[in-house]
N, C-alpha and C. Protein backbone atom coordinates (compact mmCIF):
# COMPACT_ATOMS: atom_id res chain seq x y z
N UNK A 1 -16.85 -16.16 -23.60
CA UNK A 1 -16.29 -15.53 -23.06
C UNK A 1 -15.39 -14.45 -24.07
N UNK A 2 -14.97 -14.01 -23.63
CA UNK A 2 -14.65 -12.18 -24.03
C UNK A 2 -12.91 -12.02 -23.91
N UNK A 3 -11.86 -11.94 -24.85
CA UNK A 3 -10.68 -11.50 -24.63
C UNK A 3 -10.12 -10.62 -24.33
N UNK A 4 -9.83 -10.21 -23.07
CA UNK A 4 -9.19 -8.80 -22.38
C UNK A 4 -7.80 -8.90 -22.11
N UNK A 5 -6.83 -7.77 -21.60
CA UNK A 5 -5.59 -7.76 -21.64
C UNK A 5 -5.55 -7.02 -20.13
N UNK A 6 -3.94 -6.96 -19.74
CA UNK A 6 -4.62 -6.50 -18.09
C UNK A 6 -3.72 -4.92 -18.74
N UNK A 7 -4.63 -3.94 -18.96
CA UNK A 7 -4.47 -2.31 -18.74
C UNK A 7 -3.24 -1.94 -17.81
N UNK A 8 -3.80 -2.37 -16.77
CA UNK A 8 -2.73 -1.18 -15.92
C UNK A 8 -3.48 -1.52 -14.27
N UNK A 9 -2.66 -1.41 -13.36
CA UNK A 9 -3.09 -1.34 -11.59
C UNK A 9 -3.17 0.00 -11.78
N UNK A 10 -4.40 0.31 -10.67
CA UNK A 10 -4.38 1.41 -10.39
C UNK A 10 -4.21 1.74 -8.85
N UNK A 11 -3.96 3.17 -8.35
CA UNK A 11 -3.71 2.61 -6.43
C UNK A 11 -4.43 4.01 -6.23
N UNK A 12 -5.44 3.80 -5.50
CA UNK A 12 -6.12 5.37 -4.58
C UNK A 12 -5.70 5.70 -3.77
N UNK A 13 -4.39 7.04 -4.43
CA UNK A 13 -3.70 7.44 -2.80
C UNK A 13 -4.07 7.47 -1.65
N UNK A 14 -5.76 7.98 -1.65
CA UNK A 14 -6.09 8.23 0.00
C UNK A 14 -6.16 6.77 0.77
N UNK A 15 -6.85 5.69 -0.02
CA UNK A 15 -6.91 4.44 0.87
C UNK A 15 -5.79 3.67 0.63
N UNK A 16 -5.13 3.69 -0.41
CA UNK A 16 -4.13 3.02 -0.87
C UNK A 16 -4.21 1.68 -1.26
N UNK A 17 -5.78 1.17 -1.88
CA UNK A 17 -6.61 0.36 -2.39
C UNK A 17 -5.90 -0.13 -4.15
N UNK A 18 -5.39 -1.60 -3.96
CA UNK A 18 -5.29 -1.16 -5.42
C UNK A 18 -6.71 -1.98 -6.16
N UNK A 19 -6.52 -1.82 -7.92
CA UNK A 19 -7.45 -2.24 -8.47
C UNK A 19 -6.79 -2.75 -10.03
N UNK A 20 -6.69 -3.99 -10.27
CA UNK A 20 -6.35 -4.42 -11.75
C UNK A 20 -7.45 -4.18 -12.77
N UNK A 21 -6.96 -3.31 -13.99
CA UNK A 21 -8.05 -3.01 -15.10
C UNK A 21 -7.90 -3.49 -15.80
N UNK A 22 -8.94 -4.79 -16.56
CA UNK A 22 -8.92 -5.30 -17.53
C UNK A 22 -9.55 -4.80 -18.55
N UNK A 23 -9.19 -4.94 -19.93
CA UNK A 23 -9.51 -3.93 -21.10
C UNK A 23 -9.68 -5.27 -22.02
N UNK A 24 -11.07 -5.16 -22.71
CA UNK A 24 -11.49 -5.86 -23.62
C UNK A 24 -10.62 -5.53 -24.78
N UNK A 25 -9.89 -6.61 -25.39
CA UNK A 25 -9.12 -6.28 -26.52
C UNK A 25 -10.02 -5.18 -27.90
N UNK A 26 -10.85 -6.01 -28.12
CA UNK A 26 -11.90 -4.93 -29.34
C UNK A 26 -12.65 -3.99 -29.00
N UNK A 27 -12.73 -3.36 -27.94
CA UNK A 27 -13.33 -2.49 -27.36
C UNK A 27 -12.80 -1.47 -26.33
N UNK A 28 -13.49 -0.42 -25.69
CA UNK A 28 -13.30 0.33 -24.80
C UNK A 28 -13.98 0.15 -23.34
N UNK A 29 -14.16 -1.41 -23.79
CA UNK A 29 -14.74 -1.89 -22.33
C UNK A 29 -13.69 -2.10 -21.16
N UNK A 30 -13.61 -1.91 -19.72
CA UNK A 30 -13.04 -1.99 -18.73
C UNK A 30 -13.65 -2.85 -17.91
N UNK A 31 -12.82 -4.19 -17.39
CA UNK A 31 -13.55 -4.60 -15.70
C UNK A 31 -12.51 -4.34 -14.76
N UNK A 32 -12.85 -3.12 -13.73
CA UNK A 32 -12.03 -2.87 -12.47
C UNK A 32 -12.29 -4.01 -11.85
N UNK A 33 -11.41 -4.34 -10.90
CA UNK A 33 -11.15 -5.79 -10.01
C UNK A 33 -10.52 -5.23 -8.72
N UNK A 34 -10.74 -4.98 -7.35
CA UNK A 34 -9.74 -4.51 -6.32
C UNK A 34 -9.31 -6.00 -6.15
N UNK A 35 -7.89 -5.60 -5.84
CA UNK A 35 -6.91 -6.73 -4.92
C UNK A 35 -5.96 -6.57 -4.07
N UNK A 36 -5.31 -7.08 -3.56
CA UNK A 36 -4.42 -6.49 -2.43
C UNK A 36 -3.42 -6.04 -3.18
N UNK A 37 -2.64 -5.66 -2.15
CA UNK A 37 -1.25 -5.01 -2.20
C UNK A 37 0.06 -6.31 -2.73
N UNK A 38 -0.29 -7.16 -2.16
CA UNK A 38 0.87 -8.18 -3.00
C UNK A 38 0.20 -8.81 -4.06
N UNK A 39 -0.82 -8.89 -4.41
CA UNK A 39 -1.38 -9.15 -5.66
C UNK A 39 -1.03 -8.30 -6.79
N UNK A 40 -0.96 -6.78 -6.44
CA UNK A 40 -0.77 -6.12 -7.43
C UNK A 40 0.45 -5.86 -7.58
N UNK A 41 1.62 -5.77 -6.75
CA UNK A 41 3.21 -6.04 -6.92
C UNK A 41 3.33 -7.40 -7.62
N UNK A 42 2.34 -8.33 -7.77
CA UNK A 42 2.98 -9.69 -8.44
C UNK A 42 2.40 -9.51 -9.80
N UNK A 43 1.34 -8.83 -9.81
CA UNK A 43 0.64 -9.02 -11.37
C UNK A 43 2.06 -7.45 -12.23
N UNK A 44 2.18 -6.01 -11.25
CA UNK A 44 2.87 -5.17 -12.08
C UNK A 44 4.43 -5.88 -12.13
N UNK A 45 4.90 -6.85 -11.30
CA UNK A 45 6.15 -7.34 -11.66
C UNK A 45 6.21 -7.87 -12.82
N UNK A 46 5.23 -8.65 -12.89
CA UNK A 46 5.14 -9.48 -14.72
C UNK A 46 4.80 -8.46 -15.42
N UNK A 47 3.82 -7.57 -15.42
CA UNK A 47 3.84 -6.50 -16.74
C UNK A 47 5.11 -6.11 -16.85
N UNK A 48 5.77 -5.85 -15.96
CA UNK A 48 7.21 -5.06 -16.58
C UNK A 48 8.41 -6.00 -16.57
N UNK A 49 8.24 -7.14 -16.64
CA UNK A 49 9.25 -8.27 -17.09
C UNK A 49 9.92 -8.53 -16.66
N UNK A 50 9.90 -8.49 -15.01
CA UNK A 50 10.82 -8.42 -14.05
C UNK A 50 11.09 -10.24 -13.61
N UNK A 51 12.25 -10.59 -13.21
CA UNK A 51 12.54 -11.97 -12.80
C UNK A 51 13.01 -11.77 -11.84
N UNK A 52 12.83 -12.12 -10.67
CA UNK A 52 12.88 -12.36 -9.04
C UNK A 52 14.26 -13.05 -9.01
N UNK A 53 15.12 -13.09 -8.27
CA UNK A 53 16.24 -13.83 -8.28
C UNK A 53 15.94 -15.12 -7.44
N UNK A 54 15.01 -15.14 -6.65
CA UNK A 54 14.07 -16.58 -6.12
C UNK A 54 12.51 -16.59 -6.65
N UNK A 55 12.12 -17.96 -6.57
CA UNK A 55 10.56 -17.97 -7.21
C UNK A 55 9.78 -17.22 -6.20
N UNK A 56 8.84 -16.50 -6.46
CA UNK A 56 7.72 -16.03 -5.67
C UNK A 56 6.71 -16.72 -5.89
N UNK A 57 5.78 -16.32 -5.03
CA UNK A 57 4.18 -17.58 -4.88
C UNK A 57 3.68 -18.08 -6.71
N UNK A 58 3.65 -16.97 -7.46
CA UNK A 58 3.20 -16.79 -8.82
C UNK A 58 4.47 -17.90 -8.97
N UNK A 59 5.06 -17.37 -9.52
CA UNK A 59 6.45 -18.50 -10.10
C UNK A 59 6.94 -19.70 -9.51
N UNK A 60 6.49 -19.73 -7.95
CA UNK A 60 6.84 -21.01 -7.58
C UNK A 60 5.73 -22.34 -8.57
N UNK A 61 4.37 -21.74 -8.61
CA UNK A 61 3.37 -21.83 -9.55
C UNK A 61 3.48 -22.35 -10.65
N UNK A 62 4.05 -21.37 -11.46
CA UNK A 62 3.97 -21.62 -12.60
C UNK A 62 5.01 -22.98 -12.63
N UNK A 63 6.17 -22.99 -12.11
CA UNK A 63 7.25 -23.87 -12.07
C UNK A 63 6.86 -25.12 -11.69
N UNK A 64 6.13 -25.29 -11.21
CA UNK A 64 5.22 -26.58 -10.29
C UNK A 64 4.47 -27.42 -11.47
N UNK A 65 3.79 -26.37 -12.41
CA UNK A 65 2.51 -26.80 -13.53
C UNK A 65 3.41 -27.50 -14.31
N UNK A 66 4.35 -26.78 -14.97
CA UNK A 66 5.70 -27.04 -15.83
C UNK A 66 6.26 -28.37 -15.45
N UNK A 67 6.75 -28.03 -14.04
CA UNK A 67 7.31 -30.08 -14.08
C UNK A 67 6.66 -30.85 -13.88
N UNK A 68 5.53 -30.69 -13.74
CA UNK A 68 4.88 -31.54 -13.67
C UNK A 68 3.88 -32.26 -15.07
N UNK A 69 4.43 -31.25 -15.98
CA UNK A 69 4.27 -31.57 -17.58
C UNK A 69 2.59 -31.15 -17.93
N UNK A 70 2.41 -29.89 -17.27
CA UNK A 70 1.10 -29.09 -17.29
C UNK A 70 1.84 -27.67 -18.31
N UNK A 71 0.31 -27.00 -19.05
CA UNK A 71 0.79 -25.61 -19.89
C UNK A 71 -0.88 -25.52 -19.28
N UNK A 72 -0.32 -23.86 -18.89
CA UNK A 72 -1.28 -23.18 -18.32
C UNK A 72 -2.13 -22.84 -20.23
N UNK A 73 -3.33 -23.39 -20.21
CA UNK A 73 -4.06 -22.85 -21.64
C UNK A 73 -5.02 -21.27 -21.52
N UNK A 74 -5.69 -21.35 -20.66
CA UNK A 74 -5.97 -19.82 -20.40
C UNK A 74 -6.61 -19.49 -19.24
N UNK A 75 -6.70 -17.71 -18.73
CA UNK A 75 -7.08 -18.04 -17.39
C UNK A 75 -8.43 -17.05 -17.58
N UNK A 76 -9.45 -17.74 -17.18
CA UNK A 76 -10.91 -16.77 -17.33
C UNK A 76 -11.52 -16.87 -15.56
N UNK A 77 -11.66 -15.32 -16.00
CA UNK A 77 -12.57 -14.73 -14.98
C UNK A 77 -14.08 -14.95 -15.02
N UNK A 78 -14.75 -15.77 -14.41
CA UNK A 78 -15.83 -16.67 -14.72
C UNK A 78 -17.42 -16.10 -14.09
N UNK A 79 -17.27 -15.61 -13.01
CA UNK A 79 -18.71 -15.12 -12.30
C UNK A 79 -18.44 -13.70 -11.29
N UNK A 80 -19.22 -13.07 -11.14
CA UNK A 80 -19.14 -11.93 -9.75
C UNK A 80 -20.75 -12.28 -8.75
N UNK A 81 -20.60 -12.81 -7.94
CA UNK A 81 -21.20 -13.21 -6.91
C UNK A 81 -21.18 -12.14 -5.56
N UNK A 82 -22.13 -11.49 -5.32
CA UNK A 82 -22.10 -10.50 -4.23
C UNK A 82 -20.68 -9.61 -4.03
N UNK A 83 -20.54 -8.89 -5.30
CA UNK A 83 -19.10 -8.39 -5.29
C UNK A 83 -17.51 -9.01 -5.42
N UNK A 84 -18.08 -10.51 -4.98
CA UNK A 84 -16.44 -11.34 -5.39
C UNK A 84 -16.43 -11.59 -6.50
N UNK A 85 -15.51 -11.94 -7.39
CA UNK A 85 -15.00 -12.27 -8.44
C UNK A 85 -14.45 -13.80 -8.08
N UNK A 86 -14.76 -14.87 -9.52
CA UNK A 86 -14.26 -15.83 -9.54
C UNK A 86 -13.85 -16.08 -10.63
N UNK A 87 -12.77 -17.13 -10.78
CA UNK A 87 -11.94 -17.04 -11.61
C UNK A 87 -11.17 -18.43 -12.01
N UNK A 88 -11.25 -18.94 -12.90
CA UNK A 88 -10.63 -20.44 -12.89
C UNK A 88 -9.51 -20.08 -14.13
N UNK A 89 -8.48 -21.30 -14.01
CA UNK A 89 -7.15 -21.67 -14.68
C UNK A 89 -7.01 -22.71 -14.92
N UNK A 90 -7.55 -22.85 -16.09
CA UNK A 90 -7.37 -24.25 -17.13
C UNK A 90 -5.85 -24.26 -17.58
N UNK A 91 -5.97 -25.79 -17.18
CA UNK A 91 -4.65 -26.04 -17.26
C UNK A 91 -4.62 -27.63 -18.10
N UNK A 92 -3.95 -27.90 -19.28
CA UNK A 92 -3.70 -29.15 -20.15
C UNK A 92 -2.27 -29.58 -19.06
N UNK A 93 -2.79 -30.90 -18.82
CA UNK A 93 -1.64 -32.03 -18.06
C UNK A 93 -1.45 -33.18 -18.92
N UNK A 94 -1.01 -33.35 -20.39
CA UNK A 94 -0.41 -34.69 -20.58
C UNK A 94 -1.62 -34.85 -21.66
N UNK A 95 -2.37 -34.34 -21.69
CA UNK A 95 -3.84 -34.19 -22.60
C UNK A 95 -4.96 -34.01 -21.97
N UNK A 96 -4.50 -34.07 -20.60
CA UNK A 96 -6.14 -34.01 -19.83
C UNK A 96 -6.60 -32.51 -19.05
N UNK A 97 -7.39 -32.20 -19.84
CA UNK A 97 -7.69 -30.72 -18.74
C UNK A 97 -7.99 -30.47 -17.65
N UNK A 98 -7.65 -29.80 -16.82
CA UNK A 98 -7.76 -29.26 -15.50
C UNK A 98 -8.44 -27.85 -15.50
N UNK A 99 -9.68 -27.57 -14.40
CA UNK A 99 -9.86 -26.23 -14.14
C UNK A 99 -9.72 -26.43 -12.83
N UNK A 100 -8.51 -24.99 -12.27
CA UNK A 100 -8.29 -24.77 -10.88
C UNK A 100 -9.06 -23.45 -10.86
N UNK A 101 -9.99 -23.71 -9.38
CA UNK A 101 -10.69 -22.37 -8.63
C UNK A 101 -9.04 -21.40 -8.50
N UNK A 102 -9.83 -20.39 -8.53
CA UNK A 102 -8.63 -19.06 -8.48
C UNK A 102 -9.44 -17.73 -8.17
N UNK A 103 -8.53 -17.12 -7.06
CA UNK A 103 -9.04 -15.84 -7.01
C UNK A 103 -8.58 -14.90 -8.48
N UNK A 104 -9.34 -14.13 -8.85
CA UNK A 104 -8.55 -13.52 -10.23
C UNK A 104 -7.48 -12.73 -9.96
N UNK A 105 -6.92 -12.14 -9.19
CA UNK A 105 -5.73 -11.49 -8.95
C UNK A 105 -4.49 -12.41 -9.40
N UNK A 106 -4.73 -14.03 -8.29
CA UNK A 106 -4.00 -14.89 -8.48
C UNK A 106 -3.43 -15.65 -10.03
N UNK A 107 -4.84 -15.51 -10.35
CA UNK A 107 -4.92 -16.32 -11.80
C UNK A 107 -4.23 -15.30 -12.84
N UNK A 108 -4.67 -13.96 -12.68
CA UNK A 108 -4.00 -13.16 -13.75
C UNK A 108 -2.29 -12.98 -13.50
N UNK A 109 -1.75 -12.82 -12.60
CA UNK A 109 -0.42 -12.91 -11.97
C UNK A 109 0.29 -14.25 -12.88
N UNK A 110 -0.25 -15.88 -12.38
CA UNK A 110 0.33 -16.48 -13.29
C UNK A 110 -0.27 -16.56 -14.90
N UNK A 111 -1.28 -15.83 -15.23
CA UNK A 111 -1.25 -16.03 -17.00
C UNK A 111 0.09 -14.82 -17.28
N UNK A 112 0.21 -14.17 -17.05
CA UNK A 112 1.00 -12.76 -17.02
C UNK A 112 2.75 -13.65 -17.64
N UNK A 113 2.50 -14.52 -16.46
CA UNK A 113 4.48 -15.28 -16.19
C UNK A 113 4.30 -15.88 -17.34
N UNK A 114 2.93 -16.75 -17.56
CA UNK A 114 3.16 -17.87 -18.68
C UNK A 114 2.64 -17.36 -19.94
N UNK A 115 2.04 -16.25 -20.49
CA UNK A 115 1.95 -15.63 -21.59
C UNK A 115 0.61 -16.19 -21.72
N UNK A 116 -0.44 -16.50 -21.00
CA UNK A 116 -1.44 -17.23 -20.79
C UNK A 116 -2.73 -16.40 -21.42
N UNK A 117 -3.65 -16.35 -22.59
CA UNK A 117 -4.74 -15.79 -22.72
C UNK A 117 -5.80 -15.41 -22.02
N UNK A 118 -6.08 -14.44 -21.41
CA UNK A 118 -6.97 -13.82 -20.35
C UNK A 118 -8.51 -13.48 -20.85
N UNK A 119 -10.10 -14.43 -20.39
CA UNK A 119 -10.92 -14.44 -20.60
C UNK A 119 -11.74 -13.85 -19.53
N UNK A 120 -12.75 -13.14 -19.84
CA UNK A 120 -13.96 -12.68 -19.04
C UNK A 120 -15.29 -13.12 -19.57
N UNK A 121 -15.96 -13.65 -18.48
CA UNK A 121 -17.42 -14.15 -19.05
C UNK A 121 -18.16 -12.94 -19.70
N UNK A 122 -18.87 -13.58 -20.52
CA UNK A 122 -19.77 -12.00 -21.02
C UNK A 122 -20.75 -11.53 -19.91
N UNK A 123 -21.09 -11.97 -19.11
CA UNK A 123 -22.09 -11.51 -18.05
C UNK A 123 -21.71 -10.96 -17.13
N UNK A 124 -20.52 -11.25 -16.90
CA UNK A 124 -19.43 -10.64 -15.93
C UNK A 124 -19.26 -8.91 -16.53
N UNK A 125 -18.37 -9.28 -18.02
CA UNK A 125 -18.14 -7.79 -17.94
C UNK A 125 -19.77 -6.71 -18.32
N UNK A 126 -20.74 -7.77 -18.70
CA UNK A 126 -22.10 -6.92 -19.03
C UNK A 126 -22.57 -6.16 -17.47
N UNK A 127 -22.25 -7.18 -16.21
CA UNK A 127 -22.96 -6.69 -15.27
C UNK A 127 -21.72 -5.83 -14.36
N UNK A 128 -20.59 -5.43 -14.63
CA UNK A 128 -19.33 -4.90 -13.88
C UNK A 128 -18.64 -3.80 -14.91
N UNK A 129 -18.52 -4.15 -15.89
CA UNK A 129 -17.54 -3.38 -17.11
C UNK A 129 -17.95 -2.31 -17.05
N UNK A 130 -17.04 -1.64 -17.82
CA UNK A 130 -17.29 -0.12 -17.67
C UNK A 130 -16.98 0.56 -18.83
N UNK A 131 -17.38 1.41 -19.74
CA UNK A 131 -16.70 2.49 -20.67
C UNK A 131 -16.62 3.56 -20.57
N UNK A 132 -15.21 3.54 -20.57
CA UNK A 132 -14.30 5.15 -21.09
C UNK A 132 -14.60 5.79 -22.11
N UNK A 133 -14.69 7.09 -22.08
CA UNK A 133 -15.01 7.67 -23.03
C UNK A 133 -13.28 8.34 -23.56
N UNK A 134 -13.42 9.26 -24.52
CA UNK A 134 -11.87 9.46 -24.82
C UNK A 134 -11.85 10.77 -23.64
N UNK A 135 -12.77 11.05 -23.54
CA UNK A 135 -12.43 12.39 -22.32
C UNK A 135 -11.82 11.56 -20.64
N UNK A 136 -12.39 10.35 -20.62
CA UNK A 136 -11.82 9.98 -19.33
C UNK A 136 -10.35 9.17 -19.38
N UNK A 137 -9.86 8.68 -20.47
CA UNK A 137 -9.04 8.15 -20.79
C UNK A 137 -7.68 9.34 -20.75
N UNK A 138 -8.20 10.07 -21.46
CA UNK A 138 -7.31 11.96 -21.48
C UNK A 138 -6.93 12.33 -19.82
N UNK A 139 -8.23 12.34 -19.06
CA UNK A 139 -8.24 12.67 -17.66
C UNK A 139 -7.54 11.96 -16.94
N UNK A 140 -7.54 10.63 -17.27
CA UNK A 140 -7.01 9.60 -16.00
C UNK A 140 -5.25 9.35 -16.70
N UNK A 141 -4.54 9.83 -18.08
CA UNK A 141 -3.58 10.18 -18.33
C UNK A 141 -2.84 11.59 -17.83
N UNK A 142 -3.81 12.57 -17.69
CA UNK A 142 -3.08 14.03 -17.00
C UNK A 142 -2.91 13.37 -15.53
N UNK A 143 -3.41 12.74 -14.79
CA UNK A 143 -3.27 12.27 -13.29
C UNK A 143 -2.57 11.70 -13.30
N UNK A 144 -1.83 10.82 -14.00
CA UNK A 144 -0.95 9.68 -14.16
C UNK A 144 0.50 10.55 -13.13
N UNK A 145 0.40 9.57 -12.04
CA UNK A 145 2.23 10.31 -11.13
C UNK A 145 3.42 10.20 -11.83
N UNK A 146 3.75 10.92 -11.93
CA UNK A 146 5.46 10.33 -13.56
C UNK A 146 6.19 9.90 -12.20
N UNK A 147 6.67 9.64 -10.89
CA UNK A 147 7.50 8.69 -10.04
C UNK A 147 6.97 7.45 -9.71
N UNK A 148 5.85 7.27 -10.42
CA UNK A 148 5.07 5.87 -9.99
C UNK A 148 5.73 4.88 -10.88
N UNK A 149 6.21 3.67 -10.70
CA UNK A 149 6.41 2.73 -11.87
C UNK A 149 5.33 2.65 -13.13
N UNK A 150 5.34 2.24 -13.85
CA UNK A 150 4.71 2.74 -15.03
C UNK A 150 3.79 1.31 -15.05
N UNK A 151 3.54 0.48 -14.33
CA UNK A 151 2.53 -0.47 -14.40
C UNK A 151 1.38 0.19 -13.29
N UNK A 152 1.37 1.27 -12.37
CA UNK A 152 0.74 2.09 -11.54
C UNK A 152 0.69 3.64 -12.10
N UNK A 153 -0.84 3.83 -11.87
CA UNK A 153 -1.48 4.85 -12.27
C UNK A 153 -2.55 5.57 -11.05
N UNK A 154 -2.79 6.67 -10.85
CA UNK A 154 -3.54 7.04 -10.06
C UNK A 154 -4.84 6.41 -10.73
N UNK A 155 -6.47 6.74 -9.69
CA UNK A 155 -7.56 6.54 -10.07
C UNK A 155 -8.54 7.92 -10.56
N UNK A 156 -9.13 7.87 -11.37
CA UNK A 156 -9.79 8.89 -11.98
C UNK A 156 -10.52 9.78 -10.48
N UNK A 157 -10.98 10.43 -10.80
CA UNK A 157 -11.66 11.35 -9.66
C UNK A 157 -13.07 10.71 -9.45
N UNK A 158 -13.67 9.80 -10.11
CA UNK A 158 -14.62 8.99 -9.51
C UNK A 158 -14.73 7.89 -8.32
N UNK A 159 -13.34 7.40 -8.91
CA UNK A 159 -12.90 6.30 -7.88
C UNK A 159 -12.24 6.77 -6.49
N UNK A 160 -11.80 8.17 -6.11
CA UNK A 160 -11.29 8.50 -5.03
C UNK A 160 -12.65 8.47 -4.08
N UNK A 161 -12.22 8.50 -3.01
CA UNK A 161 -13.00 8.96 -1.85
C UNK A 161 -12.37 9.53 -0.79
N UNK A 162 -13.41 10.09 -0.27
CA UNK A 162 -13.24 10.96 0.98
C UNK A 162 -12.50 10.21 2.23
N UNK A 163 -11.51 11.05 2.82
CA UNK A 163 -10.90 9.85 4.08
C UNK A 163 -11.10 11.12 5.25
N UNK A 164 -11.33 10.70 6.13
CA UNK A 164 -11.02 11.98 7.49
C UNK A 164 -10.03 11.89 7.34
N UNK A 165 -9.46 13.12 7.99
CA UNK A 165 -7.67 13.28 8.25
C UNK A 165 -7.77 13.47 9.14
N UNK A 166 -6.98 13.02 10.64
CA UNK A 166 -6.72 13.01 11.67
C UNK A 166 -6.12 13.89 12.19
N UNK A 167 -6.81 15.52 12.49
CA UNK A 167 -5.86 16.41 13.47
C UNK A 167 -4.57 15.95 14.49
N UNK A 168 -3.81 16.71 14.27
CA UNK A 168 -2.25 16.01 14.67
C UNK A 168 -2.76 16.49 16.23
N UNK A 169 -2.26 15.83 17.18
CA UNK A 169 -2.59 15.74 18.60
C UNK A 169 -1.82 17.44 18.84
N UNK A 170 -2.73 17.74 19.80
CA UNK A 170 -2.43 19.21 20.22
C UNK A 170 -1.23 18.86 21.40
N UNK A 171 0.05 19.57 21.93
CA UNK A 171 0.65 19.42 22.61
C UNK A 171 0.92 20.59 23.48
N UNK A 172 0.84 20.71 24.49
CA UNK A 172 1.28 22.33 25.84
C UNK A 172 2.05 22.32 25.82
N UNK A 173 1.95 23.56 25.34
CA UNK A 173 3.44 24.25 25.30
C UNK A 173 3.82 25.40 26.36
N UNK A 174 4.78 25.22 26.87
CA UNK A 174 5.07 26.00 28.34
C UNK A 174 6.05 26.49 28.70
N UNK A 175 6.74 27.17 29.50
CA UNK A 175 8.03 28.18 29.60
C UNK A 175 8.86 26.96 29.83
N UNK A 176 9.03 25.74 30.60
CA UNK A 176 9.61 24.72 30.91
C UNK A 176 10.58 24.35 29.15
N UNK A 177 9.21 23.87 28.22
CA UNK A 177 9.20 23.30 27.08
C UNK A 177 10.48 24.23 26.03
N UNK A 178 9.90 25.59 26.55
CA UNK A 178 10.44 26.36 25.35
C UNK A 178 12.10 26.70 25.74
N UNK A 179 12.46 26.66 27.25
CA UNK A 179 13.71 27.06 27.85
C UNK A 179 14.93 26.63 27.25
N UNK A 180 14.70 25.50 27.05
CA UNK A 180 15.73 24.58 26.19
C UNK A 180 16.04 24.91 24.84
N UNK A 181 15.07 25.70 23.97
CA UNK A 181 15.32 26.55 22.75
C UNK A 181 15.98 28.02 22.88
N UNK A 182 15.17 28.69 24.09
CA UNK A 182 15.83 29.90 24.49
C UNK A 182 17.55 30.10 24.63
N UNK A 183 17.65 28.89 25.61
CA UNK A 183 19.25 29.27 26.00
C UNK A 183 19.98 28.74 24.83
N UNK A 184 19.46 27.89 23.52
CA UNK A 184 20.40 27.59 22.77
C UNK A 184 20.84 28.46 21.81
N UNK A 185 19.28 29.86 21.71
CA UNK A 185 19.84 30.69 20.96
C UNK A 185 20.07 32.01 21.69
N UNK A 186 20.16 31.97 22.93
CA UNK A 186 20.94 33.16 24.18
C UNK A 186 22.46 32.83 23.41
N UNK A 187 23.12 31.37 23.62
CA UNK A 187 24.12 31.08 23.36
C UNK A 187 25.02 31.74 21.98
N UNK A 188 23.96 31.89 21.14
CA UNK A 188 24.19 31.75 19.60
C UNK A 188 24.67 32.98 19.40
N UNK A 189 23.65 34.12 20.11
CA UNK A 189 23.77 35.54 20.43
C UNK A 189 24.92 35.88 20.93
N UNK A 190 25.56 35.53 21.95
CA UNK A 190 27.25 35.46 22.68
C UNK A 190 27.89 35.58 21.98
N UNK A 191 27.88 34.68 20.74
CA UNK A 191 29.36 34.01 20.13
C UNK A 191 29.55 34.67 18.95
N UNK A 192 30.74 35.49 19.03
CA UNK A 192 30.75 35.87 17.18
C UNK A 192 31.30 34.70 16.22
N UNK A 193 31.06 35.10 14.78
CA UNK A 193 31.24 33.88 14.30
C UNK A 193 32.63 34.11 14.10
N UNK A 194 33.32 32.27 13.66
CA UNK A 194 34.82 32.45 13.81
C UNK A 194 35.51 33.25 13.30
N UNK A 195 34.80 33.81 11.82
CA UNK A 195 36.05 34.75 11.59
C UNK A 195 36.63 35.92 11.89
N UNK A 196 35.29 36.62 12.77
CA UNK A 196 35.14 37.74 13.73
C UNK A 196 36.15 37.80 14.87
N UNK A 197 36.85 35.99 15.41
CA UNK A 197 37.25 36.28 16.67
C UNK A 197 38.45 36.85 16.55
N UNK A 198 39.17 37.39 17.36
CA UNK A 198 40.67 37.55 17.40
C UNK A 198 41.36 37.10 18.36
């Protein structure tokens, strides 16, 4: 198993799809995992240290584990099968080790809340990991959108997918449609500005 950190959450501006980027601790290798919008928000909230006024799903899971006397030992992304990632939440409950199957996004959101280490199986990183050069990292920093929260950044140009734009629906313009505007403009021309009237 290889230790990773949550580097960032990326948003594809065209498709609005989100991706969590895990970065190998001692290397420049990244593991991109597509995730849902709610999961991205849960991970981003934990990365920024925000505590909701009432427990959300991952906060609730953390609270249940704690109340039952358990501690999350670590999170592990263990497999990649047919473009689907699998993860395990490893919990110690009063000396008994339990491994719980989970989606990586949920496991990561929980792991960040309890400050648990995150690991990725070596074969998964070998299969799906990408190495970014210094140029790629600089390019991605330049593309970052300044008004997005710090946990969000733009995808690189490689990640962008062209999307077909729908043309606006054309409307028939005829004299009847324009008559309202013509009457309004004509009424303005007939009136003098208030300071000129006597």
